[in-house]
PDB file of N, CA and C in Angstrom:
ATOM      1  N   MET A   1     -45.885 -33.069 -76.192  1.00  0.00           N
ATOM      2  CA  MET A   1     -46.845 -32.206 -77.082  1.00  0.00           C
ATOM      3  C   MET A   1     -45.587 -30.730 -77.468  1.00  0.00           C
ATOM      4  N   ALA A   2     -46.219 -30.896 -78.416  1.00  0.00           N
ATOM      5  CA  ALA A   2     -45.806 -29.700 -79.332  1.00  0.00           C
ATOM      6  C   ALA A   2     -45.876 -28.481 -79.242  1.00  0.00           C
ATOM      7  N   TYR A   3     -45.518 -27.258 -79.385  1.00  0.00           N
ATOM      8  CA  TYR A   3     -46.450 -26.663 -78.835  1.00  0.00           C
ATOM      9  C   TYR A   3     -46.001 -25.108 -79.717  1.00  0.00           C
ATOM     10  N   ALA A   4     -47.652 -25.024 -79.878  1.00  0.00           N
ATOM     11  CA  ALA A   4     -47.091 -23.949 -81.280  1.00  0.00           C
ATOM     12  C   ALA A   4     -46.752 -22.516 -81.066  1.00  0.00           C
ATOM     13  N   SER A   5     -46.123 -22.262 -81.944  1.00  0.00           N
ATOM     14  CA  SER A   5     -44.907 -20.994 -81.642  1.00  0.00           C
ATOM     15  C   SER A   5     -46.188 -19.949 -82.106  1.00  0.00           C
ATOM     16  N   LYS A   6     -45.720 -18.938 -81.640  1.00  0.00           N
ATOM     17  CA  LYS A   6     -46.126 -17.820 -81.755  1.00  0.00           C
ATOM     18  C   LYS A   6     -45.577 -17.102 -81.594  1.00  0.00           C
ATOM     19  N   LYS A   7     -46.106 -15.783 -82.709  1.00  0.00           N
ATOM     20  CA  LYS A   7     -44.719 -14.437 -81.964  1.00  0.00           C
ATOM     21  C   LYS A   7     -45.560 -13.516 -81.206  1.00  0.00           C
ATOM     22  N   ALA A   8     -44.609 -13.038 -79.802  1.00  0.00           N
ATOM     23  CA  ALA A   8     -44.995 -12.157 -79.300  1.00  0.00           C
ATOM     24  C   ALA A   8     -45.417 -10.824 -79.958  1.00  0.00           C
ATOM     25  N   SER A   9     -46.440 -10.844 -79.104  1.00  0.00           N
ATOM     26  CA  SER A   9     -46.694  -8.942 -80.335  1.00  0.00           C
ATOM     27  C   SER A   9     -47.230  -8.040 -78.789  1.00  0.00           C
ATOM     28  N   ILE A  10     -46.208  -7.789 -78.265  1.00  0.00           N
ATOM     29  CA  ILE A  10     -45.958  -6.450 -77.322  1.00  0.00           C
ATOM     30  C   ILE A  10     -46.113  -5.270 -77.752  1.00  0.00           C
ATOM     31  N   LYS A  11     -46.952  -4.341 -77.959  1.00  0.00           N
ATOM     32  CA  LYS A  11     -46.281  -3.182 -78.373  1.00  0.00           C
ATOM     33  C   LYS A  11     -46.022  -2.026 -77.388  1.00  0.00           C
ATOM     34  N   HIS A  12     -45.074  -1.682 -77.428  1.00  0.00           N
ATOM     35  CA  HIS A  12     -44.313  -0.374 -76.630  1.00  0.00           C
ATOM     36  C   HIS A  12     -44.504   0.664 -76.971  1.00  0.00           C
ATOM     37  N   ALA A  13     -44.812   1.653 -76.176  1.00  0.00           N
ATOM     38  CA  ALA A  13     -45.270   3.108 -76.718  1.00  0.00           C
ATOM     39  C   ALA A  13     -43.788   3.417 -77.376  1.00  0.00           C
ATOM     40  N   LYS A  14     -43.922   4.423 -78.143  1.00  0.00           N
ATOM     41  CA  LYS A  14     -42.142   5.275 -78.451  1.00  0.00           C
ATOM     42  C   LYS A  14     -41.829   5.951 -77.869  1.00  0.00           C
ATOM     43  N   MET A  15     -40.774   6.161 -77.776  1.00  0.00           N
ATOM     44  CA  MET A  15     -40.279   7.017 -76.488  1.00  0.00           C
ATOM     45  C   MET A  15     -39.468   7.878 -77.477  1.00  0.00           C
ATOM     46  N   THR A  16     -39.729   9.146 -77.002  1.00  0.00           N
ATOM     47  CA  THR A  16     -39.764  10.690 -77.849  1.00  0.00           C
ATOM     48  C   THR A  16     -37.869  11.404 -77.038  1.00  0.00           C
ATOM     49  N   ASP A  17     -37.619  11.354 -77.850  1.00  0.00           N
ATOM     50  CA  ASP A  17     -35.864  12.093 -78.009  1.00  0.00           C
ATOM     51  C   ASP A  17     -35.716  12.689 -76.164  1.00  0.00           C
ATOM     52  N   GLY A  18     -36.776  12.970 -75.266  1.00  0.00           N
ATOM     53  CA  GLY A  18     -36.298  13.593 -74.303  1.00  0.00           C
ATOM     54  C   GLY A  18     -36.665  12.383 -73.057  1.00  0.00           C
ATOM     55  N   ASP A  19     -37.365  11.713 -73.221  1.00  0.00           N
ATOM     56  CA  ASP A  19     -37.470   9.913 -72.878  1.00  0.00           C
ATOM     57  C   ASP A  19     -35.703   9.617 -72.901  1.00  0.00           C
ATOM     58  N   ILE A  20     -36.047   9.284 -74.407  1.00  0.00           N
ATOM     59  CA  ILE A  20     -34.232   8.564 -74.474  1.00  0.00           C
ATOM     60  C   ILE A  20     -33.558   9.380 -73.802  1.00  0.00           C
ATOM     61  N   GLU A  21     -33.108  10.140 -73.940  1.00  0.00           N
ATOM     62  CA  GLU A  21     -32.292  11.537 -72.851  1.00  0.00           C
ATOM     63  C   GLU A  21     -32.226  10.912 -71.404  1.00  0.00           C
ATOM     64  N   VAL A  22     -33.680  11.714 -70.688  1.00  0.00           N
ATOM     65  CA  VAL A  22     -33.571  10.912 -69.526  1.00  0.00           C
ATOM     66  C   VAL A  22     -32.800   9.842 -68.911  1.00  0.00           C
ATOM     67  N   THR A  23     -33.515   8.892 -69.623  1.00  0.00           N
ATOM     68  CA  THR A  23     -33.260   6.965 -69.466  1.00  0.00           C
ATOM     69  C   THR A  23     -31.806   7.248 -69.380  1.00  0.00           C
ATOM     70  N   CYS A  24     -31.259   7.892 -70.268  1.00  0.00           N
ATOM     71  CA  CYS A  24     -29.787   7.117 -70.671  1.00  0.00           C
ATOM     72  C   CYS A  24     -28.727   8.481 -69.157  1.00  0.00           C
ATOM     73  N   ARG A  25     -29.243   9.378 -69.383  1.00  0.00           N
ATOM     74  CA  ARG A  25     -28.784  10.247 -68.319  1.00  0.00           C
ATOM     75  C   ARG A  25     -28.952   9.215 -66.567  1.00  0.00           C
ATOM     76  N   ASN A  26     -30.067   8.906 -66.516  1.00  0.00           N
ATOM     77  CA  ASN A  26     -30.101   8.287 -65.299  1.00  0.00           C
ATOM     78  C   ASN A  26     -29.440   7.111 -65.369  1.00  0.00           C
ATOM     79  N   ALA A  27     -28.656   6.527 -66.039  1.00  0.00           N
ATOM     80  CA  ALA A  27     -27.889   5.353 -66.159  1.00  0.00           C
ATOM     81  C   ALA A  27     -27.006   5.948 -66.077  1.00  0.00           C
ATOM     82  N   LEU A  28     -26.331   6.776 -66.323  1.00  0.00           N
ATOM     83  CA  LEU A  28     -25.297   7.331 -66.814  1.00  0.00           C
ATOM     84  C   LEU A  28     -24.807   7.633 -65.071  1.00  0.00           C
ATOM     85  N   GLU A  29     -25.470   8.438 -64.868  1.00  0.00           N
ATOM     86  CA  GLU A  29     -25.411   8.661 -63.155  1.00  0.00           C
ATOM     87  C   GLU A  29     -25.060   7.770 -62.052  1.00  0.00           C
ATOM     88  N   ASN A  30     -26.109   6.530 -62.547  1.00  0.00           N
ATOM     89  CA  ASN A  30     -26.070   5.445 -61.626  1.00  0.00           C
ATOM     90  C   ASN A  30     -24.788   4.275 -61.938  1.00  0.00           C
ATOM     91  N   SER A  31     -23.864   4.772 -62.797  1.00  0.00           N
ATOM     92  CA  SER A  31     -23.390   3.794 -62.859  1.00  0.00           C
ATOM     93  C   SER A  31     -21.831   4.427 -62.178  1.00  0.00           C
ATOM     94  N   LEU A  32     -21.926   5.790 -62.160  1.00  0.00           N
ATOM     95  CA  LEU A  32     -21.146   6.535 -62.252  1.00  0.00           C
ATOM     96  C   LEU A  32     -20.683   6.965 -60.380  1.00  0.00           C
ATOM     97  N   GLY A  33     -22.083   6.396 -59.823  1.00  0.00           N
ATOM     98  CA  GLY A  33     -21.884   6.362 -58.616  1.00  0.00           C
ATOM     99  C   GLY A  33     -22.875   7.919 -58.414  1.00  0.00           C
ATOM    100  N   GLY A  34     -23.530   8.358 -59.039  1.00  0.00           N
ATOM    101  CA  GLY A  34     -23.425  10.113 -58.966  1.00  0.00           C
ATOM    102  C   GLY A  34     -23.901  10.502 -57.555  1.00  0.00           C
ATOM    103  N   PRO A  35     -23.826  11.667 -57.309  1.00  0.00           N
ATOM    104  CA  PRO A  35     -24.737  12.674 -55.891  1.00  0.00           C
ATOM    105  C   PRO A  35     -25.853  11.317 -55.761  1.00  0.00           C
ATOM    106  N   GLY A  36     -25.960  10.856 -54.266  1.00  0.00           N
ATOM    107  CA  GLY A  36     -27.235  10.545 -53.956  1.00  0.00           C
ATOM    108  C   GLY A  36     -27.370   9.078 -54.323  1.00  0.00           C
ATOM    109  N   SER A  37     -26.812   8.617 -55.550  1.00  0.00           N
ATOM    110  CA  SER A  37     -26.849   7.200 -55.846  1.00  0.00           C
ATOM    111  C   SER A  37     -26.972   6.291 -55.331  1.00  0.00           C
ATOM    112  N   GLU A  38     -27.598   4.814 -55.297  1.00  0.00           N
ATOM    113  CA  GLU A  38     -27.207   3.838 -54.348  1.00  0.00           C
ATOM    114  C   GLU A  38     -25.804   3.587 -54.547  1.00  0.00           C
ATOM    115  N   ILE A  39     -25.216   3.538 -55.391  1.00  0.00           N
ATOM    116  CA  ILE A  39     -23.347   3.140 -55.780  1.00  0.00           C
ATOM    117  C   ILE A  39     -22.391   3.828 -54.481  1.00  0.00           C
ATOM    118  N   SER A  40     -23.457   5.591 -54.607  1.00  0.00           N
ATOM    119  CA  SER A  40     -22.515   6.508 -54.534  1.00  0.00           C
ATOM    120  C   SER A  40     -22.630   6.040 -52.693  1.00  0.00           C
ATOM    121  N   GLN A  41     -23.550   6.031 -52.018  1.00  0.00           N
ATOM    122  CA  GLN A  41     -23.782   5.908 -50.569  1.00  0.00           C
ATOM    123  C   GLN A  41     -22.771   4.611 -50.152  1.00  0.00           C
ATOM    124  N   LEU A  42     -22.813   3.767 -50.960  1.00  0.00           N
ATOM    125  CA  LEU A  42     -22.362   2.156 -50.635  1.00  0.00           C
ATOM    126  C   LEU A  42     -20.797   2.520 -50.444  1.00  0.00           C
ATOM    127  N   ARG A  43     -20.655   3.592 -51.083  1.00  0.00           N
ATOM    128  CA  ARG A  43     -18.654   3.732 -51.410  1.00  0.00           C
ATOM    129  C   ARG A  43     -18.461   4.715 -50.233  1.00  0.00           C
ATOM    130  N   VAL A  44     -19.303   5.380 -49.757  1.00  0.00           N
ATOM    131  CA  VAL A  44     -19.152   6.892 -48.538  1.00  0.00           C
ATOM    132  C   VAL A  44     -18.839   5.549 -47.188  1.00  0.00           C
ATOM    133  N   ARG A  45     -19.772   4.444 -47.361  1.00  0.00           N
ATOM    134  CA  ARG A  45     -20.114   3.282 -46.358  1.00  0.00           C
ATOM    135  C   ARG A  45     -18.856   3.104 -45.899  1.00  0.00           C
ATOM    136  N   ASN A  46     -18.316   2.299 -47.266  1.00  0.00           N
ATOM    137  CA  ASN A  46     -17.050   1.586 -47.109  1.00  0.00           C
ATOM    138  C   ASN A  46     -15.914   1.870 -46.998  1.00  0.00           C
ATOM    139  N   LEU A  47     -15.982   3.543 -47.440  1.00  0.00           N
ATOM    140  CA  LEU A  47     -14.608   4.524 -46.823  1.00  0.00           C
ATOM    141  C   LEU A  47     -14.587   4.797 -45.549  1.00  0.00           C
ATOM    142  N   GLU A  48     -16.138   4.972 -44.825  1.00  0.00           N
ATOM    143  CA  GLU A  48     -15.984   4.886 -43.570  1.00  0.00           C
ATOM    144  C   GLU A  48     -15.030   3.655 -42.959  1.00  0.00           C
ATOM    145  N   TYR A  49     -15.736   2.168 -42.930  1.00  0.00           N
ATOM    146  CA  TYR A  49     -15.394   1.276 -42.904  1.00  0.00           C
ATOM    147  C   TYR A  49     -13.888   0.933 -42.743  1.00  0.00           C
ATOM    148  N   TYR A  50     -13.322   0.954 -44.130  1.00  0.00           N
ATOM    149  CA  TYR A  50     -11.987   1.300 -44.258  1.00  0.00           C
ATOM    150  C   TYR A  50     -10.949   2.258 -43.686  1.00  0.00           C
ATOM    151  N   ASN A  51     -11.247   3.293 -43.026  1.00  0.00           N
ATOM    152  CA  ASN A  51     -10.668   4.206 -42.110  1.00  0.00           C
ATOM    153  C   ASN A  51     -11.339   4.199 -40.797  1.00  0.00           C
ATOM    154  N   ALA A  52     -11.701   3.324 -40.686  1.00  0.00           N
ATOM    155  CA  ALA A  52     -12.125   3.033 -39.031  1.00  0.00           C
ATOM    156  C   ALA A  52     -12.836   4.029 -38.317  1.00  0.00           C
ATOM    157  N   GLU A  53     -13.897   5.010 -38.871  1.00  0.00           N
ATOM    158  CA  GLU A  53     -14.286   6.040 -38.439  1.00  0.00           C
ATOM    159  C   GLU A  53     -15.775   5.813 -37.530  1.00  0.00           C
ATOM    160  N   PRO A  54     -15.964   5.876 -36.518  1.00  0.00           N
ATOM    161  CA  PRO A  54     -17.306   5.690 -35.643  1.00  0.00           C
ATOM    162  C   PRO A  54     -18.415   6.679 -35.583  1.00  0.00           C
ATOM    163  N   THR A  55     -18.784   6.553 -37.123  1.00  0.00           N
ATOM    164  CA  THR A  55     -19.733   7.809 -37.683  1.00  0.00           C
ATOM    165  C   THR A  55     -20.724   6.527 -38.089  1.00  0.00           C
ATOM    166  N   GLY A  56     -21.952   6.950 -39.082  1.00  0.00           N
ATOM    167  CA  GLY A  56     -23.041   6.071 -39.344  1.00  0.00           C
ATOM    168  C   GLY A  56     -23.615   5.078 -38.664  1.00  0.00           C
ATOM    169  N   GLU A  57     -23.260   3.544 -39.422  1.00  0.00           N
ATOM    170  CA  GLU A  57     -23.528   2.146 -38.577  1.00  0.00           C
ATOM    171  C   GLU A  57     -22.324   2.125 -37.450  1.00  0.00           C
ATOM    172  N   LEU A  58     -21.139   2.729 -37.655  1.00  0.00           N
ATOM    173  CA  LEU A  58     -20.381   2.127 -36.507  1.00  0.00           C
ATOM    174  C   LEU A  58     -20.330   3.124 -35.546  1.00  0.00           C
ATOM    175  N   ALA A  59     -20.867   3.936 -35.187  1.00  0.00           N
ATOM    176  CA  ALA A  59     -21.332   5.041 -34.065  1.00  0.00           C
ATOM    177  C   ALA A  59     -21.779   4.180 -33.234  1.00  0.00           C
ATOM    178  N   PRO A  60     -20.856   4.605 -32.275  1.00  0.00           N
ATOM    179  CA  PRO A  60     -21.019   3.781 -30.505  1.00  0.00           C
ATOM    180  C   PRO A  60     -22.573   4.516 -30.225  1.00  0.00           C
ATOM    181  N   PRO A  61     -23.549   3.850 -29.282  1.00  0.00           N
ATOM    182  CA  PRO A  61     -24.529   4.302 -28.767  1.00  0.00           C
ATOM    183  C   PRO A  61     -24.355   5.538 -28.192  1.00  0.00           C
ATOM    184  N   GLU A  62     -25.373   6.407 -27.617  1.00  0.00           N
ATOM    185  CA  GLU A  62     -25.237   7.083 -26.831  1.00  0.00           C
ATOM    186  C   GLU A  62     -25.067   6.488 -25.281  1.00  0.00           C
ATOM    187  N   ILE A  63     -24.686   5.983 -24.931  1.00  0.00           N
ATOM    188  CA  ILE A  63     -24.775   5.586 -23.656  1.00  0.00           C
ATOM    189  C   ILE A  63     -23.382   5.973 -22.983  1.00  0.00           C
ATOM    190  N   ASP A  64     -22.920   6.456 -21.613  1.00  0.00           N
ATOM    191  CA  ASP A  64     -22.316   6.962 -20.898  1.00  0.00           C
ATOM    192  C   ASP A  64     -20.871   6.111 -20.629  1.00  0.00           C
ATOM    193  N   ASP A  65     -19.575   6.730 -20.653  1.00  0.00           N
ATOM    194  CA  ASP A  65     -18.479   5.963 -20.187  1.00  0.00           C
ATOM    195  C   ASP A  65     -18.471   5.156 -22.002  1.00  0.00           C
ATOM    196  N   ARG A  66     -19.265   4.602 -22.725  1.00  0.00           N
ATOM    197  CA  ARG A  66     -18.724   3.575 -23.956  1.00  0.00           C
ATOM    198  C   ARG A  66     -17.746   4.069 -24.749  1.00  0.00           C
ATOM    199  N   SER A  67     -16.761   3.321 -25.088  1.00  0.00           N
ATOM    200  CA  SER A  67     -15.731   3.235 -26.452  1.00  0.00           C
ATOM    201  C   SER A  67     -16.010   4.002 -27.793  1.00  0.00           C
ATOM    202  N   ASP A  68     -15.817   4.805 -28.003  1.00  0.00           N
ATOM    203  CA  ASP A  68     -15.942   5.074 -29.565  1.00  0.00           C
ATOM    204  C   ASP A  68     -15.131   4.489 -30.684  1.00  0.00           C
ATOM    205  N   PHE A  69     -14.365   3.016 -29.526  1.00  0.00           N
ATOM    206  CA  PHE A  69     -13.215   2.532 -31.030  1.00  0.00           C
ATOM    207  C   PHE A  69     -13.250   1.661 -32.150  1.00  0.00           C
ATOM    208  N   VAL A  70     -13.501   1.755 -32.715  1.00  0.00           N
ATOM    209  CA  VAL A  70     -13.450   0.640 -34.180  1.00  0.00           C
ATOM    210  C   VAL A  70     -12.137  -0.287 -34.792  1.00  0.00           C
ATOM    211  N   ALA A  71     -12.577  -0.472 -35.025  1.00  0.00           N
ATOM    212  CA  ALA A  71     -11.754  -2.195 -35.275  1.00  0.00           C
ATOM    213  C   ALA A  71     -11.407  -1.718 -36.757  1.00  0.00           C
ATOM    214  N   THR A  72     -10.143  -1.770 -37.410  1.00  0.00           N
ATOM    215  CA  THR A  72      -9.468  -1.942 -38.384  1.00  0.00           C
ATOM    216  C   THR A  72      -9.536  -2.974 -39.411  1.00  0.00           C
ATOM    217  N   ASP A  73     -10.128  -4.083 -39.514  1.00  0.00           N
ATOM    218  CA  ASP A  73     -10.343  -5.638 -40.219  1.00  0.00           C
ATOM    219  C   ASP A  73     -10.671  -5.462 -41.276  1.00  0.00           C
ATOM    220  N   VAL A  74     -11.105  -3.986 -41.454  1.00  0.00           N
ATOM    221  CA  VAL A  74     -11.466  -3.916 -43.544  1.00  0.00           C
ATOM    222  C   VAL A  74     -10.079  -3.348 -43.839  1.00  0.00           C
ATOM    223  N   ALA A  75      -9.602  -2.455 -42.927  1.00  0.00           N
ATOM    224  CA  ALA A  75      -8.468  -1.605 -43.682  1.00  0.00           C
ATOM    225  C   ALA A  75      -7.240  -3.254 -44.290  1.00  0.00           C
ATOM    226  N   ASP A  76      -6.979  -3.238 -42.269  1.00  0.00           N
ATOM    227  CA  ASP A  76      -6.070  -4.255 -42.575  1.00  0.00           C
ATOM    228  C   ASP A  76      -6.337  -5.668 -43.767  1.00  0.00           C
ATOM    229  N   THR A  77      -7.217  -5.728 -43.729  1.00  0.00           N
ATOM    230  CA  THR A  77      -7.535  -6.880 -44.734  1.00  0.00           C
ATOM    231  C   THR A  77      -7.459  -6.783 -46.609  1.00  0.00           C
ATOM    232  N   VAL A  78      -7.655  -5.313 -46.435  1.00  0.00           N
ATOM    233  CA  VAL A  78      -7.408  -4.269 -48.133  1.00  0.00           C
ATOM    234  C   VAL A  78      -5.908  -4.159 -48.261  1.00  0.00           C
ATOM    235  N   GLU A  79      -4.985  -4.112 -47.191  1.00  0.00           N
ATOM    236  CA  GLU A  79      -4.386  -3.345 -47.311  1.00  0.00           C
ATOM    237  C   GLU A  79      -2.710  -5.043 -47.592  1.00  0.00           C
ATOM    238  N   ALA A  80      -3.570  -5.501 -46.345  1.00  0.00           N
ATOM    239  CA  ALA A  80      -3.058  -7.927 -46.772  1.00  0.00           C
ATOM    240  C   ALA A  80      -2.900  -8.185 -48.219  1.00  0.00           C
ATOM    241  N   MET A  81      -4.199  -7.542 -48.978  1.00  0.00           N
ATOM    242  CA  MET A  81      -4.291  -7.982 -50.053  1.00  0.00           C
ATOM    243  C   MET A  81      -3.595  -7.744 -51.387  1.00  0.00           C
ATOM    244  N   LEU A  82      -3.502  -6.455 -51.479  1.00  0.00           N
ATOM    245  CA  LEU A  82      -3.332  -5.440 -51.766  1.00  0.00           C
ATOM    246  C   LEU A  82      -1.864  -6.063 -52.995  1.00  0.00           C
ATOM    247  N   PRO A  83      -0.761  -6.471 -52.484  1.00  0.00           N
ATOM    248  CA  PRO A  83      -0.081  -6.656 -53.539  1.00  0.00           C
ATOM    249  C   PRO A  83      -0.273  -7.656 -53.996  1.00  0.00           C
ATOM    250  N   GLN A  84      -0.627  -8.933 -53.945  1.00  0.00           N
ATOM    251  CA  GLN A  84      -1.362  -9.863 -54.651  1.00  0.00           C
ATOM    252  C   GLN A  84      -2.459  -9.450 -55.731  1.00  0.00           C
ATOM    253  N   ILE A  85      -3.222  -8.276 -55.515  1.00  0.00           N
ATOM    254  CA  ILE A  85      -4.317  -7.876 -56.835  1.00  0.00           C
ATOM    255  C   ILE A  85      -3.479  -6.844 -57.187  1.00  0.00           C
ATOM    256  N   MET A  86      -2.447  -5.888 -56.595  1.00  0.00           N
ATOM    257  CA  MET A  86      -1.864  -5.210 -57.725  1.00  0.00           C
ATOM    258  C   MET A  86      -0.827  -5.944 -58.227  1.00  0.00           C
ATOM    259  N   LYS A  87       0.055  -7.138 -58.482  1.00  0.00           N
ATOM    260  CA  LYS A  87       0.674  -7.565 -58.950  1.00  0.00           C
ATOM    261  C   LYS A  87       0.266  -8.027 -60.909  1.00  0.00           C
ATOM    262  N   PRO A  88      -0.809  -8.252 -61.532  1.00  0.00           N
ATOM    263  CA  PRO A  88      -0.328  -8.762 -62.582  1.00  0.00           C
ATOM    264  C   PRO A  88      -0.934  -6.977 -63.090  1.00  0.00           C
ATOM    265  N   PHE A  89      -0.534  -6.171 -62.427  1.00  0.00           N
ATOM    266  CA  PHE A  89      -0.736  -5.059 -63.273  1.00  0.00           C
ATOM    267  C   PHE A  89       0.517  -3.868 -63.222  1.00  0.00           C
ATOM    268  N   VAL A  90       1.770  -4.746 -62.896  1.00  0.00           N
ATOM    269  CA  VAL A  90       3.038  -4.746 -62.295  1.00  0.00           C
ATOM    270  C   VAL A  90       4.378  -5.177 -63.276  1.00  0.00           C
ATOM    271  N   THR A  91       4.956  -4.123 -63.855  1.00  0.00           N
ATOM    272  CA  THR A  91       5.643  -5.131 -64.855  1.00  0.00           C
ATOM    273  C   THR A  91       7.209  -4.292 -64.933  1.00  0.00           C
ATOM    274  N   ASP A  92       8.384  -5.284 -65.507  1.00  0.00           N
ATOM    275  CA  ASP A  92       9.590  -4.553 -64.834  1.00  0.00           C
ATOM    276  C   ASP A  92       9.749  -3.363 -65.549  1.00  0.00           C
ATOM    277  N   ASP A  93       9.084  -3.324 -66.643  1.00  0.00           N
ATOM    278  CA  ASP A  93       9.375  -1.548 -67.305  1.00  0.00           C
ATOM    279  C   ASP A  93       7.922  -1.052 -67.547  1.00  0.00           C
ATOM    280  N   GLU A  94       7.883   0.309 -68.019  1.00  0.00           N
ATOM    281  CA  GLU A  94       7.132   1.328 -67.791  1.00  0.00           C
ATOM    282  C   GLU A  94       5.655   0.651 -67.718  1.00  0.00           C
ATOM    283  N   ALA A  95       4.833   1.151 -67.127  1.00  0.00           N
ATOM    284  CA  ALA A  95       3.947   0.760 -66.618  1.00  0.00           C
ATOM    285  C   ALA A  95       2.744   1.060 -67.433  1.00  0.00           C
ATOM    286  N   VAL A  96       2.820   2.105 -68.283  1.00  0.00           N
ATOM    287  CA  VAL A  96       1.794   2.084 -69.872  1.00  0.00           C
ATOM    288  C   VAL A  96       3.000   2.702 -70.720  1.00  0.00           C
ATOM    289  N   GLU A  97       2.769   2.554 -72.312  1.00  0.00           N
ATOM    290  CA  GLU A  97       4.267   3.632 -73.221  1.00  0.00           C
ATOM    291  C   GLU A  97       3.359   3.319 -74.588  1.00  0.00           C
ATOM    292  N   PHE A  98       3.175   4.816 -75.234  1.00  0.00           N
ATOM    293  CA  PHE A  98       2.096   4.718 -76.301  1.00  0.00           C
ATOM    294  C   PHE A  98       2.813   5.309 -77.083  1.00  0.00           C
ATOM    295  N   GLN A  99       2.877   4.601 -78.351  1.00  0.00           N
ATOM    296  CA  GLN A  99       3.527   5.243 -79.516  1.00  0.00           C
ATOM    297  C   GLN A  99       2.200   6.134 -80.832  1.00  0.00           C
ATOM    298  N   ALA A 100       2.924   7.076 -80.846  1.00  0.00           N
ATOM    299  CA  ALA A 100       2.232   7.925 -81.470  1.00  0.00           C
ATOM    300  C   ALA A 100       2.123   7.847 -83.306  1.00  0.00           C
ATOM    301  N   ARG A 101       0.757   7.699 -83.482  1.00  0.00           N
ATOM    302  CA  ARG A 101       0.923   7.702 -84.463  1.00  0.00           C
ATOM    303  C   ARG A 101       0.606   8.955 -85.693  1.00  0.00           C
ATOM    304  N   ARG A 102       0.502   9.981 -85.481  1.00  0.00           N
ATOM    305  CA  ARG A 102       1.135  10.507 -86.252  1.00  0.00           C
ATOM    306  C   ARG A 102       1.131  11.832 -85.340  1.00  0.00           C
ATOM    307  N   PRO A 103       2.291  12.904 -86.101  1.00  0.00           N
ATOM    308  CA  PRO A 103       3.204  14.195 -85.286  1.00  0.00           C
ATOM    309  C   PRO A 103       1.842  14.730 -84.434  1.00  0.00           C
ATOM    310  N   GLY A 104       2.215  15.509 -83.342  1.00  0.00           N
ATOM    311  CA  GLY A 104       1.375  15.956 -82.645  1.00  0.00           C
ATOM    312  C   GLY A 104       0.682  15.614 -81.507  1.00  0.00           C
TER     313      GLY A 104
END
């Protein structure tokens, strides 16, 4: 059975210049991990894990004589992988070289 092709006629309200500016600003802040964004919170958590800091989710419970040791598994794994990750970016020559197109 063939379906009739209908052109969807969804009408959206036109955005004002202010609406576009706010939408773009929000997208930019979130993409760069602006303060208070989900990305920035995840970066802080990941840094705490990497540094093995006993804070946040890694904080020990409030129990007398409880150890505040945090294993360094995350940092150890990252450090072990780093040479292989960096290999494609390292060359025998200078890492980056620019040729001027014009004086100055």
